[in-house]
């Protein structure tokens, strides 16, 4: 699976969420807008930047659950701006013609699925990201704190 397919999965989460302002938007339009927000070099997803922001914002427990297999912890829409800048949220809102609140909700719906898919597709990426939190045991310790 390539990066655009992974981003399209996130777009489908947005299109199928319970926000009426995003349910009618074409999935291809959402995919393009999401690529602009999450895109890194070569069309890939800038997961390393998300991880760095999660660490500095105290969100590593949530983001760690998205890496690899297992259930993905949800993220509050108002917390999304700790991972994705306000400018990127505004960019998504403008491209899709939705409010910033709807854009935050859209990202909260898409980010767990996108990071999960990206790290499941590339196990070396998951290993690299897990090493930043003390390996699998470090991630598990963080996840245990959620419950």
N, C-alpha and C. Protein backbone atom coordinates (compact mmCIF):
# COMPACT_ATOMS: atom_id res chain seq x y z
N UNK A 1 0.85 -1.18 0.00
CA UNK A 1 0.00 0.00 0.00
C UNK A 1 0.89 1.24 0.00
N UNK A 2 0.55 2.20 -0.83
CA UNK A 2 1.35 3.41 -0.88
C UNK A 2 0.77 4.48 0.04
N UNK A 3 1.51 5.58 0.16
CA UNK A 3 1.13 6.65 1.10
C UNK A 3 -0.24 7.22 0.78
N UNK A 4 -0.53 7.39 -0.52
CA UNK A 4 -1.83 7.97 -0.87
C UNK A 4 -2.98 7.04 -0.47
N UNK A 5 -2.77 5.74 -0.55
CA UNK A 5 -3.79 4.80 -0.10
C UNK A 5 -4.01 4.93 1.41
N UNK A 6 -2.92 5.12 2.13
CA UNK A 6 -3.02 5.29 3.59
C UNK A 6 -3.78 6.57 3.92
N UNK A 7 -3.45 7.65 3.21
CA UNK A 7 -4.13 8.92 3.43
C UNK A 7 -5.61 8.80 3.04
N UNK A 8 -5.88 8.03 1.99
CA UNK A 8 -7.27 7.82 1.57
C UNK A 8 -8.07 7.10 2.66
N UNK A 9 -7.43 6.19 3.37
CA UNK A 9 -8.10 5.52 4.50
C UNK A 9 -8.52 6.57 5.53
N UNK A 10 -7.61 7.50 5.84
CA UNK A 10 -7.94 8.59 6.75
C UNK A 10 -9.08 9.43 6.22
N UNK A 11 -9.08 9.68 4.90
CA UNK A 11 -10.15 10.47 4.28
C UNK A 11 -11.49 9.76 4.42
N UNK A 12 -11.48 8.44 4.30
CA UNK A 12 -12.72 7.68 4.46
C UNK A 12 -13.25 7.77 5.89
N UNK A 13 -12.34 7.79 6.86
CA UNK A 13 -12.78 7.99 8.25
C UNK A 13 -13.46 9.35 8.40
N UNK A 14 -12.89 10.36 7.75
CA UNK A 14 -13.48 11.70 7.82
C UNK A 14 -14.85 11.71 7.15
N UNK A 15 -14.94 11.14 5.96
CA UNK A 15 -16.20 11.14 5.22
C UNK A 15 -17.29 10.38 5.97
N UNK A 16 -16.91 9.36 6.70
CA UNK A 16 -17.89 8.52 7.39
C UNK A 16 -18.10 8.89 8.85
N UNK A 17 -17.52 10.01 9.30
CA UNK A 17 -17.71 10.39 10.70
C UNK A 17 -19.11 10.96 10.91
N UNK A 18 -19.41 11.38 12.12
CA UNK A 18 -20.77 11.86 12.42
C UNK A 18 -20.94 13.37 12.25
N UNK A 19 -19.98 14.03 11.61
CA UNK A 19 -20.06 15.46 11.36
C UNK A 19 -20.72 15.68 9.99
N UNK A 20 -21.89 16.26 9.98
CA UNK A 20 -22.64 16.46 8.74
C UNK A 20 -21.88 17.30 7.72
N UNK A 21 -20.99 18.17 8.18
CA UNK A 21 -20.27 19.04 7.25
C UNK A 21 -19.22 18.29 6.43
N UNK A 22 -18.81 17.10 6.86
CA UNK A 22 -17.80 16.35 6.10
C UNK A 22 -18.37 15.12 5.39
N UNK A 23 -19.55 14.67 5.77
CA UNK A 23 -20.07 13.43 5.19
C UNK A 23 -20.39 13.54 3.71
N UNK A 24 -20.71 14.72 3.22
CA UNK A 24 -21.06 14.87 1.81
C UNK A 24 -19.89 15.21 0.90
N UNK A 25 -18.71 15.37 1.46
CA UNK A 25 -17.54 15.75 0.65
C UNK A 25 -16.96 14.51 -0.02
N UNK A 26 -16.60 14.66 -1.29
CA UNK A 26 -16.01 13.56 -2.06
C UNK A 26 -14.70 13.11 -1.41
N UNK A 27 -14.52 11.79 -1.31
CA UNK A 27 -13.35 11.23 -0.63
C UNK A 27 -12.05 11.65 -1.32
N UNK A 28 -12.07 11.86 -2.63
CA UNK A 28 -10.86 12.30 -3.33
C UNK A 28 -10.47 13.72 -2.92
N UNK A 29 -11.46 14.58 -2.73
CA UNK A 29 -11.18 15.95 -2.26
C UNK A 29 -10.60 15.93 -0.85
N UNK A 30 -11.17 15.08 -0.01
CA UNK A 30 -10.65 14.96 1.36
C UNK A 30 -9.22 14.42 1.33
N UNK A 31 -8.98 13.43 0.47
CA UNK A 31 -7.64 12.83 0.36
C UNK A 31 -6.61 13.89 -0.03
N UNK A 32 -6.94 14.70 -1.03
CA UNK A 32 -6.01 15.76 -1.46
C UNK A 32 -5.76 16.77 -0.35
N UNK A 33 -6.80 17.17 0.33
CA UNK A 33 -6.65 18.14 1.42
C UNK A 33 -5.83 17.55 2.56
N UNK A 34 -6.09 16.29 2.89
CA UNK A 34 -5.37 15.62 3.97
C UNK A 34 -3.90 15.44 3.61
N UNK A 35 -3.62 15.16 2.34
CA UNK A 35 -2.23 15.05 1.88
C UNK A 35 -1.49 16.36 2.11
N UNK A 36 -2.16 17.47 1.85
CA UNK A 36 -1.54 18.78 2.06
C UNK A 36 -1.24 19.06 3.52
N UNK A 37 -2.05 18.52 4.41
CA UNK A 37 -1.88 18.74 5.84
C UNK A 37 -0.85 17.79 6.44
N UNK A 38 -0.89 16.52 6.04
CA UNK A 38 -0.04 15.50 6.65
C UNK A 38 1.20 15.18 5.84
N UNK A 39 1.29 15.70 4.64
CA UNK A 39 2.35 15.31 3.72
C UNK A 39 3.74 15.71 4.17
N UNK A 40 4.67 14.79 3.93
CA UNK A 40 6.09 15.03 4.16
C UNK A 40 6.81 14.97 2.82
N UNK A 41 8.09 14.68 2.86
CA UNK A 41 8.87 14.59 1.63
C UNK A 41 8.43 13.40 0.80
N UNK A 42 8.40 13.59 -0.52
CA UNK A 42 8.08 12.50 -1.43
C UNK A 42 6.65 12.01 -1.31
N UNK A 43 5.76 12.83 -0.78
CA UNK A 43 4.37 12.44 -0.65
C UNK A 43 4.09 11.55 0.55
N UNK A 44 5.12 11.25 1.34
CA UNK A 44 4.91 10.40 2.52
C UNK A 44 4.26 11.21 3.64
N UNK A 45 3.92 10.52 4.69
CA UNK A 45 3.31 11.16 5.85
C UNK A 45 4.42 11.50 6.83
N UNK A 46 4.40 12.70 7.35
CA UNK A 46 5.46 13.15 8.25
C UNK A 46 5.19 12.66 9.68
N UNK A 47 5.32 11.35 9.86
CA UNK A 47 5.03 10.73 11.16
C UNK A 47 6.06 11.13 12.20
N UNK A 48 7.31 11.28 11.79
CA UNK A 48 8.35 11.65 12.74
C UNK A 48 8.03 12.99 13.40
N UNK A 49 7.53 13.93 12.63
CA UNK A 49 7.13 15.23 13.18
C UNK A 49 5.97 15.07 14.16
N UNK A 50 5.00 14.22 13.81
CA UNK A 50 3.88 13.97 14.72
C UNK A 50 4.36 13.39 16.04
N UNK A 51 5.32 12.46 15.96
CA UNK A 51 5.85 11.83 17.17
C UNK A 51 6.57 12.86 18.03
N UNK A 52 7.38 13.70 17.39
CA UNK A 52 8.11 14.74 18.14
C UNK A 52 7.14 15.68 18.84
N UNK A 53 6.08 16.07 18.15
CA UNK A 53 5.08 16.95 18.76
C UNK A 53 4.32 16.24 19.88
N UNK A 54 4.08 14.95 19.69
CA UNK A 54 3.39 14.18 20.73
C UNK A 54 4.24 14.11 21.99
N UNK A 55 5.54 13.92 21.81
CA UNK A 55 6.44 13.85 22.97
C UNK A 55 6.46 15.18 23.70
N UNK A 56 6.59 16.27 22.96
CA UNK A 56 6.69 17.58 23.61
C UNK A 56 5.34 18.03 24.17
N UNK A 57 4.24 17.50 23.63
CA UNK A 57 2.92 17.91 24.09
C UNK A 57 2.29 16.97 25.10
N UNK A 58 3.04 15.96 25.54
CA UNK A 58 2.51 15.03 26.52
C UNK A 58 1.45 14.08 25.98
N UNK A 59 1.48 13.83 24.68
CA UNK A 59 0.47 12.98 24.05
C UNK A 59 1.02 11.63 23.61
N UNK A 60 2.20 11.29 24.09
CA UNK A 60 2.85 10.07 23.62
C UNK A 60 2.06 8.82 23.96
N UNK A 61 1.34 8.83 25.08
CA UNK A 61 0.54 7.66 25.45
C UNK A 61 -0.52 7.39 24.38
N UNK A 62 -1.17 8.44 23.92
CA UNK A 62 -2.21 8.29 22.89
C UNK A 62 -1.59 7.86 21.58
N UNK A 63 -0.58 8.58 21.13
CA UNK A 63 0.03 8.31 19.82
C UNK A 63 0.69 6.94 19.80
N UNK A 64 1.26 6.50 20.91
CA UNK A 64 1.89 5.17 20.96
C UNK A 64 0.88 4.07 20.66
N UNK A 65 -0.36 4.28 21.04
CA UNK A 65 -1.39 3.26 20.78
C UNK A 65 -1.68 3.13 19.29
N UNK A 66 -1.36 4.16 18.52
CA UNK A 66 -1.61 4.12 17.08
C UNK A 66 -0.52 3.37 16.33
N UNK A 67 0.64 3.22 16.95
CA UNK A 67 1.79 2.61 16.28
C UNK A 67 1.68 1.10 16.38
N UNK A 68 1.70 0.45 15.25
CA UNK A 68 1.65 -1.00 15.23
C UNK A 68 0.24 -1.52 15.44
N UNK A 69 0.13 -2.73 15.98
CA UNK A 69 -1.18 -3.35 16.15
C UNK A 69 -1.79 -2.98 17.49
N UNK A 70 -3.05 -3.32 17.65
CA UNK A 70 -3.75 -3.00 18.89
C UNK A 70 -4.77 -1.91 18.66
N UNK A 71 -5.57 -1.67 19.69
CA UNK A 71 -6.62 -0.67 19.59
C UNK A 71 -6.03 0.74 19.63
N UNK A 72 -6.56 1.62 18.80
CA UNK A 72 -6.10 3.00 18.74
C UNK A 72 -6.87 3.85 19.75
N UNK A 73 -6.14 4.52 20.63
CA UNK A 73 -6.78 5.44 21.57
C UNK A 73 -7.28 6.66 20.80
N UNK A 74 -8.45 7.18 21.17
CA UNK A 74 -8.96 8.37 20.49
C UNK A 74 -8.20 9.62 20.95
N UNK A 75 -8.27 10.64 20.12
CA UNK A 75 -7.69 11.93 20.49
C UNK A 75 -8.81 12.97 20.44
N UNK A 76 -8.83 13.83 21.41
CA UNK A 76 -9.83 14.89 21.48
C UNK A 76 -9.57 15.90 20.36
N UNK A 77 -10.62 16.33 19.65
CA UNK A 77 -10.42 17.30 18.57
C UNK A 77 -9.68 18.56 19.00
N UNK A 78 -9.90 19.03 20.22
CA UNK A 78 -9.21 20.23 20.68
C UNK A 78 -7.73 19.99 20.95
N UNK A 79 -7.34 18.74 21.07
CA UNK A 79 -5.95 18.38 21.31
C UNK A 79 -5.16 18.22 20.01
N UNK A 80 -5.87 18.08 18.91
CA UNK A 80 -5.24 17.85 17.60
C UNK A 80 -4.21 18.93 17.28
N UNK A 81 -4.46 20.16 17.70
CA UNK A 81 -3.54 21.24 17.36
C UNK A 81 -2.19 21.12 18.06
N UNK A 82 -2.07 20.18 18.99
CA UNK A 82 -0.76 19.91 19.57
C UNK A 82 0.07 19.02 18.64
N UNK A 83 -0.59 18.35 17.70
CA UNK A 83 0.10 17.49 16.73
C UNK A 83 0.18 18.13 15.35
N UNK A 84 -0.85 18.88 15.00
CA UNK A 84 -0.93 19.53 13.69
C UNK A 84 -1.17 21.01 13.96
N UNK A 85 -0.38 21.86 13.35
CA UNK A 85 -0.46 23.30 13.65
C UNK A 85 -1.83 23.88 13.32
N UNK A 86 -2.14 25.00 13.97
CA UNK A 86 -3.39 25.71 13.68
C UNK A 86 -3.46 26.10 12.21
N UNK A 87 -2.32 26.45 11.62
CA UNK A 87 -2.28 26.80 10.20
C UNK A 87 -2.74 25.63 9.34
N UNK A 88 -2.29 24.42 9.69
CA UNK A 88 -2.68 23.22 8.93
C UNK A 88 -4.16 22.92 9.12
N UNK A 89 -4.66 23.12 10.33
CA UNK A 89 -6.09 22.93 10.59
C UNK A 89 -6.90 23.91 9.75
N UNK A 90 -6.45 25.17 9.74
CA UNK A 90 -7.13 26.20 8.94
C UNK A 90 -7.05 25.86 7.45
N UNK A 91 -5.90 25.36 7.00
CA UNK A 91 -5.73 24.95 5.61
C UNK A 91 -6.74 23.86 5.24
N UNK A 92 -6.88 22.86 6.09
CA UNK A 92 -7.83 21.78 5.85
C UNK A 92 -9.26 22.33 5.80
N UNK A 93 -9.58 23.20 6.74
CA UNK A 93 -10.92 23.80 6.79
C UNK A 93 -11.22 24.57 5.50
N UNK A 94 -10.26 25.36 5.04
CA UNK A 94 -10.46 26.15 3.83
C UNK A 94 -10.61 25.26 2.60
N UNK A 95 -9.74 24.25 2.49
CA UNK A 95 -9.79 23.38 1.31
C UNK A 95 -11.09 22.59 1.23
N UNK A 96 -11.64 22.23 2.37
CA UNK A 96 -12.86 21.44 2.37
C UNK A 96 -14.13 22.28 2.55
N UNK A 97 -13.95 23.58 2.82
CA UNK A 97 -15.11 24.45 3.01
C UNK A 97 -15.88 24.14 4.28
N UNK A 98 -15.15 23.82 5.35
CA UNK A 98 -15.77 23.48 6.63
C UNK A 98 -15.21 24.40 7.72
N UNK A 99 -15.80 24.36 8.88
CA UNK A 99 -15.32 25.17 10.00
C UNK A 99 -14.02 24.58 10.56
N UNK A 100 -13.31 25.38 11.33
CA UNK A 100 -12.10 24.88 11.97
C UNK A 100 -12.43 23.79 12.98
N UNK A 101 -13.56 23.90 13.65
CA UNK A 101 -13.98 22.86 14.60
C UNK A 101 -14.20 21.54 13.88
N UNK A 102 -14.84 21.61 12.71
CA UNK A 102 -15.04 20.38 11.92
C UNK A 102 -13.72 19.83 11.41
N UNK A 103 -12.79 20.72 11.07
CA UNK A 103 -11.47 20.27 10.62
C UNK A 103 -10.72 19.57 11.74
N UNK A 104 -10.82 20.09 12.96
CA UNK A 104 -10.19 19.43 14.11
C UNK A 104 -10.79 18.05 14.34
N UNK A 105 -12.12 17.97 14.25
CA UNK A 105 -12.79 16.68 14.43
C UNK A 105 -12.36 15.71 13.33
N UNK A 106 -12.26 16.22 12.11
CA UNK A 106 -11.85 15.38 10.99
C UNK A 106 -10.45 14.80 11.23
N UNK A 107 -9.55 15.64 11.68
CA UNK A 107 -8.18 15.17 11.96
C UNK A 107 -8.16 14.20 13.14
N UNK A 108 -8.99 14.45 14.14
CA UNK A 108 -9.07 13.53 15.28
C UNK A 108 -9.57 12.16 14.84
N UNK A 109 -10.43 12.13 13.83
CA UNK A 109 -10.93 10.86 13.30
C UNK A 109 -9.89 10.18 12.42
N UNK A 110 -9.15 10.96 11.65
CA UNK A 110 -8.24 10.39 10.65
C UNK A 110 -6.86 10.03 11.20
N UNK A 111 -6.30 10.84 12.08
CA UNK A 111 -4.92 10.62 12.52
C UNK A 111 -4.65 9.23 13.09
N UNK A 112 -5.48 8.72 14.00
CA UNK A 112 -5.18 7.38 14.53
C UNK A 112 -5.11 6.32 13.43
N UNK A 113 -6.04 6.38 12.49
CA UNK A 113 -6.07 5.38 11.41
C UNK A 113 -4.87 5.54 10.48
N UNK A 114 -4.51 6.77 10.17
CA UNK A 114 -3.39 7.01 9.25
C UNK A 114 -2.08 6.54 9.86
N UNK A 115 -1.81 6.93 11.10
CA UNK A 115 -0.56 6.51 11.76
C UNK A 115 -0.54 5.00 11.93
N UNK A 116 -1.67 4.42 12.31
CA UNK A 116 -1.76 2.97 12.48
C UNK A 116 -1.45 2.25 11.17
N UNK A 117 -2.08 2.67 10.09
CA UNK A 117 -1.85 2.04 8.79
C UNK A 117 -0.41 2.22 8.33
N UNK A 118 0.13 3.42 8.50
CA UNK A 118 1.50 3.70 8.05
C UNK A 118 2.51 2.83 8.80
N UNK A 119 2.31 2.66 10.08
CA UNK A 119 3.28 1.88 10.86
C UNK A 119 3.06 0.38 10.69
N UNK A 120 1.84 -0.04 10.37
CA UNK A 120 1.60 -1.45 10.08
C UNK A 120 2.18 -1.84 8.73
N UNK A 121 2.18 -0.90 7.79
CA UNK A 121 2.72 -1.16 6.46
C UNK A 121 4.23 -1.22 6.45
N UNK A 122 4.87 -0.50 7.35
CA UNK A 122 6.33 -0.44 7.39
C UNK A 122 6.79 -0.77 8.80
N UNK A 123 6.99 -2.07 9.11
CA UNK A 123 7.38 -2.46 10.46
C UNK A 123 8.66 -1.78 10.95
N UNK A 124 9.58 -1.47 10.04
CA UNK A 124 10.81 -0.79 10.47
C UNK A 124 10.49 0.61 10.99
N UNK A 125 9.48 1.24 10.40
CA UNK A 125 9.06 2.56 10.88
C UNK A 125 8.47 2.44 12.28
N UNK A 126 7.64 1.43 12.49
CA UNK A 126 7.07 1.21 13.83
C UNK A 126 8.17 0.97 14.85
N UNK A 127 9.16 0.15 14.49
CA UNK A 127 10.27 -0.12 15.41
C UNK A 127 11.05 1.15 15.72
N UNK A 128 11.29 1.96 14.70
CA UNK A 128 12.02 3.21 14.89
C UNK A 128 11.24 4.15 15.82
N UNK A 129 9.94 4.26 15.60
CA UNK A 129 9.12 5.14 16.43
C UNK A 129 9.00 4.62 17.85
N UNK A 130 8.85 3.30 17.99
CA UNK A 130 8.78 2.73 19.33
C UNK A 130 10.07 2.93 20.10
N UNK A 131 11.19 2.91 19.40
CA UNK A 131 12.47 3.10 20.09
C UNK A 131 12.55 4.48 20.73
N UNK A 132 11.81 5.44 20.18
CA UNK A 132 11.80 6.79 20.74
C UNK A 132 11.07 6.85 22.08
N UNK A 133 10.25 5.84 22.38
CA UNK A 133 9.51 5.83 23.65
C UNK A 133 9.97 4.71 24.56
N UNK A 134 11.15 4.18 24.31
CA UNK A 134 11.68 3.12 25.17
C UNK A 134 11.29 1.73 24.72
N UNK A 135 11.06 1.56 23.42
CA UNK A 135 10.74 0.25 22.89
C UNK A 135 9.32 -0.16 23.17
N UNK A 136 9.03 -1.41 22.89
CA UNK A 136 7.68 -1.93 23.07
C UNK A 136 7.24 -1.82 24.53
N UNK A 137 8.15 -2.11 25.46
CA UNK A 137 7.80 -2.04 26.87
C UNK A 137 7.46 -0.60 27.28
N UNK A 138 8.22 0.36 26.77
CA UNK A 138 7.92 1.76 27.06
C UNK A 138 6.55 2.16 26.54
N UNK A 139 6.22 1.71 25.33
CA UNK A 139 4.90 2.00 24.76
C UNK A 139 3.81 1.32 25.58
N UNK A 140 4.04 0.08 25.98
CA UNK A 140 3.05 -0.65 26.77
C UNK A 140 2.83 0.04 28.13
N UNK A 141 3.92 0.50 28.73
CA UNK A 141 3.79 1.20 30.01
C UNK A 141 2.94 2.46 29.85
N UNK A 142 3.13 3.17 28.74
CA UNK A 142 2.33 4.37 28.50
C UNK A 142 0.87 4.02 28.28
N UNK A 143 0.62 2.95 27.52
CA UNK A 143 -0.75 2.55 27.23
C UNK A 143 -1.46 2.11 28.51
N UNK A 144 -0.76 1.42 29.40
CA UNK A 144 -1.36 0.97 30.67
C UNK A 144 -1.86 2.16 31.48
N UNK A 145 -1.17 3.28 31.37
CA UNK A 145 -1.57 4.47 32.12
C UNK A 145 -2.90 5.04 31.64
N UNK A 146 -3.31 4.67 30.42
CA UNK A 146 -4.58 5.16 29.89
C UNK A 146 -5.77 4.52 30.59
N UNK A 147 -5.57 3.34 31.16
CA UNK A 147 -6.69 2.57 31.72
C UNK A 147 -6.64 2.47 33.21
